């Protein structure tokens, strides 16, 4: 796969010394052809970089974004909604200004460029202040909206970029190729079996792509800051090469985020929107990878020095019937049967107990970890830090010396009542001292018991909007950051003396720097439908791997289906990014034989150990998975093909140029499962039996 784009970004943000500001005030503009140029022409402010031009009309307050290849975002304004009911739009303001002092050279995490501030003013109204950052050698810029007043104001909706074709027919995002652009729906989290969707979606969470699948040209727009706001993107009027209505804003809520309460208000004399990413790319897949890397440059992911986690998880195997004996039996089978045949990673393998680990006594849990370590493995466990699964609000909260009840720490609505259940449990307030004390207590127990891995589940409950204990935390994401930081601090390797892997199960996509791995989908078991569902999240979310998180988690692997389905489930996990955790009852002879047959393919395991997410080839599949994925390492390519039909065979004609190969060159295609080989050139005819999947390594002859 392509090397992480984060390596191209400089780390240390800094402002260029004031001498350069003085030069700007004197209108001495650097003449470097690769530097951002700023000019005033007939009432317009024109900001020109090699790949991008932004023009601000100082008569109307609208801005146009244009890229060299021809696409553009036109007649883009900004808007806000205040708590007192006032709707503010830059197009309704009478004064639009940007003085020389508002143009400042920058050298930040993305490189050199210029920051340009445009002031929108109207007597008797708060100022709207747009802040653009445009870079010398990047096909994207950032934009932020600030609302400024002499007295404190409050808002739960700030939109730095608004195009509204109902107000002017010239507004919208215009592509240079294709017909009606696809718009990508990205879920806020991975709960309730939600799917990504590219069928002309009307909204998205945190990020979207507006693209043409045939040419792959497209825009990528999304949030680069995730400390306070939930970001939303709303889109409408899909027509030829155009999306006429586009709104990128902080303040998303409703069903997609599971919120009952409205998005919290942010207050002050200056309130700021999320920092937004606005870019165009000749291949929108590059754009999403660039967007992921941009987030990682600003907020680095949680570091992990170890390899891809191989191992076992108890949930699909035993569910609520997990026991001490079954836990140890899995460890012993891996030790004696699978690890000697190559199913491990650098001698490390995780044996993880999921929910219902409290079926065991504390002494058994400690002994289980000791036994697992004696087998040369690492031990994992499970917890839900922001959910109460009972109904007795008078129950004392563990780890608080009986100081608090669950009624105390439950997240409340505006009337003071606990929020309703989400996924069967009551959401807890991540900012409450009782919740934080409970986190400290439980994390210390896991560490003291000898565990090395924790799966954190249903943590999206901690991001819900509500009234928090800490009055300074007025939004769900602000409180979520507090709770997640407490977990990471408690498991800091420098503090506890060993690495500790943090895996997120049901979780928001952002913020992303609190875990090493995150599930891309909701639960996926062993059926063909499970594999297709999980691969839908890879089709449109592959870019998360090695940018936001070190690993894309494809969920536990269940092999107790037909052999074709089992192999497809394994292959789907291998190409996901990946965490490779089997979840079968390995006390059953038939499951043992299946595991020995599928989990010990040295070629496939070697590919999984690279931890690279495969890219989708065709991404016009709506809410379904594509069936061809590709990865590259050095001069070699890997191609994975899937047939999601369990009854009919499938014929695929693959254009080699479409996957990035030279069509006139000949490639040696080695099947990693059947060990058959063939030569391919220009196009490749792939035949798949019902439910079959295959992975090839392609080497240029």
Foldseek 3Di string as FASTA:
>chain_A
DDDFPLVQWAFAWDFPDCVVLVCLLVVNFDPPLLAWDWDDDPQWIWIDAQFWIKIARQQQRFIKIAGPVGWIFGRKWWWFAWPVGDTGTLRPAGGKDWHSSQWGWIQHRHGTYIKHKIWGDHPPAWIKIKIKTDGSDDQKIKIKIKTADPDKIKGLKIWRTWFACVVPVVGWTFDPDDFFWWKWAEFQWFPPLDFIFRHNDFKHWFKMWTADQVQQKIKIKGFLDQQAFTWMWGWDDGGTRTTRTITIITFDDDDRLPAPAGFFMDMDSMDMTTIMMIGIDSHCVVVLLVVLSSSCSVPPAADDDDFFAAEAEACVAANLNDDLVLLLVRLVCCLPPPVVLPRGFPLEYEREYEPNPVVDDLVSLLVSQVSSVVSSYAYEYEDALFWDQDDDQQCAQPQPVSPHGNLVFAFAAPVSHHDDDDPRTTTGFLPDPSSLSSLLVVLVSCLVSRHAEYEHEPLSSQQYAGCHPPNNRRGSSNRSVSNLVSNCVSQPCVVSVHHHAYEYATHGLPPQRRGQEYEQHHDAEQALVSLFSLQSSLAPPLSNDPRSHVAHESHAQYQPDPNLSSLSSQLSQLQRLHHYHHHHSCVDPVVVVSCSLRSSLNVSSVSSRVSHHWYALRRNPTRTHGFWTKDDDPQKIKIKGWDSAQQAKDKDKAFPVSRPDDQAFKKWKAWSRVRDIDIDHGIDIDIGGHSHMTMIMIHTD
